[in-house]
Amino acid sequence: MNPTLWSLKAGDRCEILGYDDALAEKYRIRLMEFGFHVGECVTCLQSPAFGAPKVYQVSNTIYSLDDEVATHVLVRTGSLRE
């Protein structure tokens, strides 16, 4: 099973692989409007404790996502291009 956006810690980078089937279409569309496209690199900037929303950077924009959405974004971690 692939890691998800929610599994990232502060400072981690990843590539978006897609979305799982449990994520409603309206959320998929909105995330893509924000720049969360397949193949896009994302950096986790903040990962607060106690389930608070995490902060991610996509391109030059910063977003906060909670676990109800971020757990459905499938990612690949590891060696990524800058």
PDB file of N, CA and C in Angstrom:
ATOM      1  N   MET A   1       0.847  -1.190   0.000  1.00  0.00           N
ATOM      2  CA  MET A   1       0.000   0.000   0.000  1.00  0.00           C
ATOM      3  C   MET A   1       0.887   1.246   0.000  1.00  0.00           C
ATOM      4  N   ASN A   2       0.517   2.219  -0.814  1.00  0.00           N
ATOM      5  CA  ASN A   2       1.280   3.466  -0.911  1.00  0.00           C
ATOM      6  C   ASN A   2       1.052   4.346   0.306  1.00  0.00           C
ATOM      7  N   PRO A   3       2.084   5.125   0.658  1.00  0.00           N
ATOM      8  CA  PRO A   3       1.867   6.120   1.718  1.00  0.00           C
ATOM      9  C   PRO A   3       0.899   7.200   1.214  1.00  0.00           C
ATOM     10  N   THR A   4       0.389   7.971   2.135  1.00  0.00           N
ATOM     11  CA  THR A   4      -0.530   9.051   1.778  1.00  0.00           C
ATOM     12  C   THR A   4       0.071  10.388   2.178  1.00  0.00           C
ATOM     13  N   LEU A   5      -0.532  11.445   1.702  1.00  0.00           N
ATOM     14  CA  LEU A   5      -0.084  12.792   2.045  1.00  0.00           C
ATOM     15  C   LEU A   5      -0.090  12.981   3.558  1.00  0.00           C
ATOM     16  N   TRP A   6      -1.065  12.389   4.223  1.00  0.00           N
ATOM     17  CA  TRP A   6      -1.177  12.530   5.680  1.00  0.00           C
ATOM     18  C   TRP A   6      -0.020  11.853   6.414  1.00  0.00           C
ATOM     19  N   SER A   7       0.613  10.864   5.818  1.00  0.00           N
ATOM     20  CA  SER A   7       1.701  10.136   6.496  1.00  0.00           C
ATOM     21  C   SER A   7       3.025  10.903   6.499  1.00  0.00           C
ATOM     22  N   LEU A   8       3.105  12.012   5.781  1.00  0.00           N
ATOM     23  CA  LEU A   8       4.343  12.790   5.730  1.00  0.00           C
ATOM     24  C   LEU A   8       4.606  13.514   7.036  1.00  0.00           C
ATOM     25  N   LYS A   9       5.878  13.674   7.321  1.00  0.00           N
ATOM     26  CA  LYS A   9       6.333  14.468   8.463  1.00  0.00           C
ATOM     27  C   LYS A   9       6.886  15.781   7.930  1.00  0.00           C
ATOM     28  N   ALA A  10       7.039  16.766   8.786  1.00  0.00           N
ATOM     29  CA  ALA A  10       7.587  18.059   8.373  1.00  0.00           C
ATOM     30  C   ALA A  10       8.941  17.854   7.694  1.00  0.00           C
ATOM     31  N   GLY A  11       9.103  18.464   6.533  1.00  0.00           N
ATOM     32  CA  GLY A  11      10.339  18.355   5.766  1.00  0.00           C
ATOM     33  C   GLY A  11      10.321  17.271   4.706  1.00  0.00           C
ATOM     34  N   ASP A  12       9.363  16.350   4.758  1.00  0.00           N
ATOM     35  CA  ASP A  12       9.264  15.277   3.764  1.00  0.00           C
ATOM     36  C   ASP A  12       8.755  15.829   2.439  1.00  0.00           C
ATOM     37  N   ARG A  13       9.284  15.239   1.346  1.00  0.00           N
ATOM     38  CA  ARG A  13       8.807  15.568   0.006  1.00  0.00           C
ATOM     39  C   ARG A  13       8.223  14.315  -0.617  1.00  0.00           C
ATOM     40  N   CYS A  14       7.304  14.506  -1.543  1.00  0.00           N
ATOM     41  CA  CYS A  14       6.693  13.359  -2.203  1.00  0.00           C
ATOM     42  C   CYS A  14       6.215  13.756  -3.592  1.00  0.00           C
ATOM     43  N   GLU A  15       5.839  12.731  -4.337  1.00  0.00           N
ATOM     44  CA  GLU A  15       5.209  12.920  -5.647  1.00  0.00           C
ATOM     45  C   GLU A  15       3.795  12.359  -5.544  1.00  0.00           C
ATOM     46  N   ILE A  16       2.829  13.086  -6.040  1.00  0.00           N
ATOM     47  CA  ILE A  16       1.443  12.614  -6.006  1.00  0.00           C
ATOM     48  C   ILE A  16       1.245  11.527  -7.061  1.00  0.00           C
ATOM     49  N   LEU A  17       0.698  10.390  -6.615  1.00  0.00           N
ATOM     50  CA  LEU A  17       0.400   9.278  -7.510  1.00  0.00           C
ATOM     51  C   LEU A  17      -1.059   9.270  -7.940  1.00  0.00           C
ATOM     52  N   GLY A  18      -1.935   9.795  -7.099  1.00  0.00           N
ATOM     53  CA  GLY A  18      -3.363   9.805  -7.413  1.00  0.00           C
ATOM     54  C   GLY A  18      -4.182   9.858  -6.143  1.00  0.00           C
ATOM     55  N   TYR A  19      -5.439   9.487  -6.278  1.00  0.00           N
ATOM     56  CA  TYR A  19      -6.382   9.539  -5.164  1.00  0.00           C
ATOM     57  C   TYR A  19      -7.036   8.179  -5.016  1.00  0.00           C
ATOM     58  N   ASP A  20      -7.352   7.798  -3.778  1.00  0.00           N
ATOM     59  CA  ASP A  20      -8.056   6.525  -3.611  1.00  0.00           C
ATOM     60  C   ASP A  20      -9.539   6.715  -3.934  1.00  0.00           C
ATOM     61  N   ASP A  21     -10.234   5.600  -4.096  1.00  0.00           N
ATOM     62  CA  ASP A  21     -11.634   5.638  -4.527  1.00  0.00           C
ATOM     63  C   ASP A  21     -12.587   6.187  -3.474  1.00  0.00           C
ATOM     64  N   ALA A  22     -12.146   6.263  -2.222  1.00  0.00           N
ATOM     65  CA  ALA A  22     -13.019   6.742  -1.152  1.00  0.00           C
ATOM     66  C   ALA A  22     -13.170   8.266  -1.146  1.00  0.00           C
ATOM     67  N   LEU A  23     -12.279   8.982  -1.850  1.00  0.00           N
ATOM     68  CA  LEU A  23     -12.353  10.444  -1.868  1.00  0.00           C
ATOM     69  C   LEU A  23     -13.435  10.896  -2.834  1.00  0.00           C
ATOM     70  N   ALA A  24     -14.365  11.690  -2.337  1.00  0.00           N
ATOM     71  CA  ALA A  24     -15.472  12.189  -3.162  1.00  0.00           C
ATOM     72  C   ALA A  24     -14.945  13.003  -4.342  1.00  0.00           C
ATOM     73  N   GLU A  25     -15.619  12.897  -5.453  1.00  0.00           N
ATOM     74  CA  GLU A  25     -15.213  13.584  -6.688  1.00  0.00           C
ATOM     75  C   GLU A  25     -15.062  15.087  -6.492  1.00  0.00           C
ATOM     76  N   LYS A  26     -15.930  15.701  -5.687  1.00  0.00           N
ATOM     77  CA  LYS A  26     -15.839  17.150  -5.478  1.00  0.00           C
ATOM     78  C   LYS A  26     -14.522  17.542  -4.804  1.00  0.00           C
ATOM     79  N   TYR A  27     -14.004  16.678  -3.923  1.00  0.00           N
ATOM     80  CA  TYR A  27     -12.716  16.950  -3.282  1.00  0.00           C
ATOM     81  C   TYR A  27     -11.561  16.736  -4.255  1.00  0.00           C
ATOM     82  N   ARG A  28     -11.665  15.711  -5.083  1.00  0.00           N
ATOM     83  CA  ARG A  28     -10.645  15.464  -6.118  1.00  0.00           C
ATOM     84  C   ARG A  28     -10.503  16.671  -7.036  1.00  0.00           C
ATOM     85  N   ILE A  29     -11.632  17.149  -7.498  1.00  0.00           N
ATOM     86  CA  ILE A  29     -11.626  18.293  -8.409  1.00  0.00           C
ATOM     87  C   ILE A  29     -11.019  19.511  -7.735  1.00  0.00           C
ATOM     88  N   ARG A  30     -11.423  19.770  -6.504  1.00  0.00           N
ATOM     89  CA  ARG A  30     -10.911  20.946  -5.783  1.00  0.00           C
ATOM     90  C   ARG A  30      -9.410  20.833  -5.545  1.00  0.00           C
ATOM     91  N   LEU A  31      -8.936  19.648  -5.159  1.00  0.00           N
ATOM     92  CA  LEU A  31      -7.498  19.456  -4.960  1.00  0.00           C
ATOM     93  C   LEU A  31      -6.723  19.698  -6.258  1.00  0.00           C
ATOM     94  N   MET A  32      -7.262  19.231  -7.369  1.00  0.00           N
ATOM     95  CA  MET A  32      -6.595  19.458  -8.651  1.00  0.00           C
ATOM     96  C   MET A  32      -6.599  20.943  -9.010  1.00  0.00           C
ATOM     97  N   GLU A  33      -7.665  21.649  -8.679  1.00  0.00           N
ATOM     98  CA  GLU A  33      -7.689  23.099  -8.894  1.00  0.00           C
ATOM     99  C   GLU A  33      -6.610  23.797  -8.073  1.00  0.00           C
ATOM    100  N   PHE A  34      -6.302  23.249  -6.899  1.00  0.00           N
ATOM    101  CA  PHE A  34      -5.253  23.808  -6.033  1.00  0.00           C
ATOM    102  C   PHE A  34      -3.845  23.438  -6.505  1.00  0.00           C
ATOM    103  N   GLY A  35      -3.718  22.483  -7.438  1.00  0.00           N
ATOM    104  CA  GLY A  35      -2.404  22.095  -7.940  1.00  0.00           C
ATOM    105  C   GLY A  35      -1.937  20.728  -7.507  1.00  0.00           C
ATOM    106  N   PHE A  36      -2.778  19.974  -6.801  1.00  0.00           N
ATOM    107  CA  PHE A  36      -2.426  18.623  -6.364  1.00  0.00           C
ATOM    108  C   PHE A  36      -2.684  17.643  -7.507  1.00  0.00           C
ATOM    109  N   HIS A  37      -1.869  17.734  -8.568  1.00  0.00           N
ATOM    110  CA  HIS A  37      -2.002  16.888  -9.755  1.00  0.00           C
ATOM    111  C   HIS A  37      -1.099  15.670  -9.638  1.00  0.00           C
ATOM    112  N   VAL A  38      -1.451  14.608 -10.340  1.00  0.00           N
ATOM    113  CA  VAL A  38      -0.588  13.440 -10.436  1.00  0.00           C
ATOM    114  C   VAL A  38       0.756  13.889 -11.005  1.00  0.00           C
ATOM    115  N   GLY A  39       1.835  13.462 -10.348  1.00  0.00           N
ATOM    116  CA  GLY A  39       3.179  13.821 -10.783  1.00  0.00           C
ATOM    117  C   GLY A  39       3.744  15.064 -10.118  1.00  0.00           C
ATOM    118  N   GLU A  40       2.894  15.811  -9.437  1.00  0.00           N
ATOM    119  CA  GLU A  40       3.331  17.051  -8.778  1.00  0.00           C
ATOM    120  C   GLU A  40       4.098  16.723  -7.502  1.00  0.00           C
ATOM    121  N   CYS A  41       5.161  17.496  -7.234  1.00  0.00           N
ATOM    122  CA  CYS A  41       5.926  17.337  -5.995  1.00  0.00           C
ATOM    123  C   CYS A  41       5.315  18.207  -4.905  1.00  0.00           C
ATOM    124  N   VAL A  42       5.209  17.636  -3.717  1.00  0.00           N
ATOM    125  CA  VAL A  42       4.618  18.319  -2.563  1.00  0.00           C
ATOM    126  C   VAL A  42       5.603  18.204  -1.397  1.00  0.00           C
ATOM    127  N   THR A  43       5.709  19.275  -0.619  1.00  0.00           N
ATOM    128  CA  THR A  43       6.535  19.268   0.593  1.00  0.00           C
ATOM    129  C   THR A  43       5.631  19.496   1.792  1.00  0.00           C
ATOM    130  N   CYS A  44       5.816  18.693   2.831  1.00  0.00           N
ATOM    131  CA  CYS A  44       5.103  18.900   4.092  1.00  0.00           C
ATOM    132  C   CYS A  44       5.908  19.917   4.898  1.00  0.00           C
ATOM    133  N   LEU A  45       5.326  21.067   5.178  1.00  0.00           N
ATOM    134  CA  LEU A  45       6.016  22.128   5.912  1.00  0.00           C
ATOM    135  C   LEU A  45       5.810  22.020   7.408  1.00  0.00           C
ATOM    136  N   GLN A  46       4.612  21.639   7.822  1.00  0.00           N
ATOM    137  CA  GLN A  46       4.308  21.517   9.249  1.00  0.00           C
ATOM    138  C   GLN A  46       3.443  20.288   9.481  1.00  0.00           C
ATOM    139  N   SER A  47       3.760  19.579  10.554  1.00  0.00           N
ATOM    140  CA  SER A  47       3.000  18.392  10.935  1.00  0.00           C
ATOM    141  C   SER A  47       2.722  18.459  12.433  1.00  0.00           C
ATOM    142  N   PRO A  48       1.758  19.298  12.835  1.00  0.00           N
ATOM    143  CA  PRO A  48       1.495  19.471  14.266  1.00  0.00           C
ATOM    144  C   PRO A  48       0.935  18.206  14.910  1.00  0.00           C
ATOM    145  N   ALA A  49       0.993  18.172  16.200  1.00  0.00           N
ATOM    146  CA  ALA A  49       0.517  17.008  16.962  1.00  0.00           C
ATOM    147  C   ALA A  49      -1.004  17.018  17.103  1.00  0.00           C
ATOM    148  N   PHE A  50      -1.517  15.935  17.630  1.00  0.00           N
ATOM    149  CA  PHE A  50      -2.934  15.786  18.003  1.00  0.00           C
ATOM    150  C   PHE A  50      -3.899  15.905  16.828  1.00  0.00           C
ATOM    151  N   GLY A  51      -3.445  15.519  15.624  1.00  0.00           N
ATOM    152  CA  GLY A  51      -4.340  15.479  14.476  1.00  0.00           C
ATOM    153  C   GLY A  51      -4.701  16.814  13.875  1.00  0.00           C
ATOM    154  N   ALA A  52      -4.005  17.873  14.262  1.00  0.00           N
ATOM    155  CA  ALA A  52      -4.263  19.188  13.667  1.00  0.00           C
ATOM    156  C   ALA A  52      -3.917  19.138  12.184  1.00  0.00           C
ATOM    157  N   PRO A  53      -4.551  19.972  11.359  1.00  0.00           N
ATOM    158  CA  PRO A  53      -4.244  19.975   9.922  1.00  0.00           C
ATOM    159  C   PRO A  53      -2.747  20.185   9.667  1.00  0.00           C
ATOM    160  N   LYS A  54      -2.258  19.519   8.626  1.00  0.00           N
ATOM    161  CA  LYS A  54      -0.853  19.659   8.228  1.00  0.00           C
ATOM    162  C   LYS A  54      -0.759  20.721   7.137  1.00  0.00           C
ATOM    163  N   VAL A  55       0.423  21.290   6.993  1.00  0.00           N
ATOM    164  CA  VAL A  55       0.647  22.361   6.026  1.00  0.00           C
ATOM    165  C   VAL A  55       1.566  21.833   4.929  1.00  0.00           C
ATOM    166  N   TYR A  56       1.135  22.006   3.669  1.00  0.00           N
ATOM    167  CA  TYR A  56       1.854  21.488   2.506  1.00  0.00           C
ATOM    168  C   TYR A  56       2.148  22.610   1.523  1.00  0.00           C
ATOM    169  N   GLN A  57       3.269  22.468   0.810  1.00  0.00           N
ATOM    170  CA  GLN A  57       3.593  23.400  -0.264  1.00  0.00           C
ATOM    171  C   GLN A  57       3.520  22.670  -1.590  1.00  0.00           C
ATOM    172  N   VAL A  58       2.764  23.256  -2.526  1.00  0.00           N
ATOM    173  CA  VAL A  58       2.656  22.760  -3.891  1.00  0.00           C
ATOM    174  C   VAL A  58       3.039  23.931  -4.781  1.00  0.00           C
ATOM    175  N   SER A  59       4.083  23.766  -5.586  1.00  0.00           N
ATOM    176  CA  SER A  59       4.641  24.870  -6.375  1.00  0.00           C
ATOM    177  C   SER A  59       4.991  26.001  -5.413  1.00  0.00           C
ATOM    178  N   ASN A  60       4.445  27.189  -5.639  1.00  0.00           N
ATOM    179  CA  ASN A  60       4.748  28.329  -4.761  1.00  0.00           C
ATOM    180  C   ASN A  60       3.592  28.669  -3.834  1.00  0.00           C
ATOM    181  N   THR A  61       2.705  27.719  -3.600  1.00  0.00           N
ATOM    182  CA  THR A  61       1.522  27.977  -2.797  1.00  0.00           C
ATOM    183  C   THR A  61       1.492  27.034  -1.593  1.00  0.00           C
ATOM    184  N   ILE A  62       0.963  27.535  -0.485  1.00  0.00           N
ATOM    185  CA  ILE A  62       0.898  26.759   0.752  1.00  0.00           C
ATOM    186  C   ILE A  62      -0.563  26.505   1.118  1.00  0.00           C
ATOM    187  N   TYR A  63      -0.855  25.244   1.465  1.00  0.00           N
ATOM    188  CA  TYR A  63      -2.211  24.829   1.829  1.00  0.00           C
ATOM    189  C   TYR A  63      -2.191  24.045   3.131  1.00  0.00           C
ATOM    190  N   SER A  64      -3.300  24.084   3.834  1.00  0.00           N
ATOM    191  CA  SER A  64      -3.500  23.287   5.030  1.00  0.00           C
ATOM    192  C   SER A  64      -4.588  22.260   4.720  1.00  0.00           C
ATOM    193  N   LEU A  65      -4.288  20.987   4.987  1.00  0.00           N
ATOM    194  CA  LEU A  65      -5.268  19.913   4.760  1.00  0.00           C
ATOM    195  C   LEU A  65      -5.407  19.079   6.021  1.00  0.00           C
ATOM    196  N   ASP A  66      -6.639  18.667   6.300  1.00  0.00           N
ATOM    197  CA  ASP A  66      -6.844  17.794   7.458  1.00  0.00           C
ATOM    198  C   ASP A  66      -6.769  16.338   7.021  1.00  0.00           C
ATOM    199  N   ASP A  67      -6.839  15.448   7.999  1.00  0.00           N
ATOM    200  CA  ASP A  67      -6.687  14.019   7.708  1.00  0.00           C
ATOM    201  C   ASP A  67      -7.828  13.459   6.877  1.00  0.00           C
ATOM    202  N   GLU A  68      -9.014  14.053   6.957  1.00  0.00           N
ATOM    203  CA  GLU A  68     -10.162  13.540   6.203  1.00  0.00           C
ATOM    204  C   GLU A  68      -9.956  13.640   4.696  1.00  0.00           C
ATOM    205  N   VAL A  69      -9.091  14.531   4.257  1.00  0.00           N
ATOM    206  CA  VAL A  69      -8.780  14.673   2.839  1.00  0.00           C
ATOM    207  C   VAL A  69      -7.403  14.085   2.533  1.00  0.00           C
ATOM    208  N   ALA A  70      -6.404  14.449   3.318  1.00  0.00           N
ATOM    209  CA  ALA A  70      -5.014  14.071   3.018  1.00  0.00           C
ATOM    210  C   ALA A  70      -4.773  12.561   3.060  1.00  0.00           C
ATOM    211  N   THR A  71      -5.569  11.814   3.798  1.00  0.00           N
ATOM    212  CA  THR A  71      -5.383  10.353   3.835  1.00  0.00           C
ATOM    213  C   THR A  71      -5.797   9.682   2.533  1.00  0.00           C
ATOM    214  N   HIS A  72      -6.470  10.399   1.655  1.00  0.00           N
ATOM    215  CA  HIS A  72      -6.923   9.834   0.384  1.00  0.00           C
ATOM    216  C   HIS A  72      -6.035  10.215  -0.793  1.00  0.00           C
ATOM    217  N   VAL A  73      -4.966  10.984  -0.533  1.00  0.00           N
ATOM    218  CA  VAL A  73      -4.032  11.381  -1.584  1.00  0.00           C
ATOM    219  C   VAL A  73      -2.836  10.433  -1.515  1.00  0.00           C
ATOM    220  N   LEU A  74      -2.678   9.593  -2.537  1.00  0.00           N
ATOM    221  CA  LEU A  74      -1.618   8.587  -2.575  1.00  0.00           C
ATOM    222  C   LEU A  74      -0.337   9.217  -3.113  1.00  0.00           C
ATOM    223  N   VAL A  75       0.787   8.921  -2.446  1.00  0.00           N
ATOM    224  CA  VAL A  75       2.047   9.560  -2.812  1.00  0.00           C
ATOM    225  C   VAL A  75       3.173   8.552  -2.896  1.00  0.00           C
ATOM    226  N   ARG A  76       4.273   8.989  -3.513  1.00  0.00           N
ATOM    227  CA  ARG A  76       5.529   8.234  -3.544  1.00  0.00           C
ATOM    228  C   ARG A  76       6.562   9.106  -2.866  1.00  0.00           C
ATOM    229  N   THR A  77       7.209   8.562  -1.862  1.00  0.00           N
ATOM    230  CA  THR A  77       8.259   9.289  -1.163  1.00  0.00           C
ATOM    231  C   THR A  77       9.607   8.747  -1.615  1.00  0.00           C
ATOM    232  N   GLY A  78      10.662   9.376  -1.161  1.00  0.00           N
ATOM    233  CA  GLY A  78      11.995   8.912  -1.504  1.00  0.00           C
ATOM    234  C   GLY A  78      12.723   9.952  -2.321  1.00  0.00           C
ATOM    235  N   SER A  79      13.624   9.521  -3.160  1.00  0.00           N
ATOM    236  CA  SER A  79      14.461  10.410  -3.952  1.00  0.00           C
ATOM    237  C   SER A  79      13.622  11.122  -5.016  1.00  0.00           C
ATOM    238  N   LEU A  80      13.481  12.429  -4.858  1.00  0.00           N
ATOM    239  CA  LEU A  80      12.710  13.231  -5.810  1.00  0.00           C
ATOM    240  C   LEU A  80      13.586  14.330  -6.369  1.00  0.00           C
ATOM    241  N   ARG A  81      13.271  14.741  -7.600  1.00  0.00           N
ATOM    242  CA  ARG A  81      13.993  15.851  -8.231  1.00  0.00           C
ATOM    243  C   ARG A  81      13.626  17.155  -7.568  1.00  0.00           C
ATOM    244  N   GLU A  82      14.557  18.067  -7.537  1.00  0.00           N
ATOM    245  CA  GLU A  82      14.273  19.430  -7.010  1.00  0.00           C
ATOM    246  C   GLU A  82      13.538  20.203  -8.067  1.00  0.00           C
TER     247      GLU A  82
END
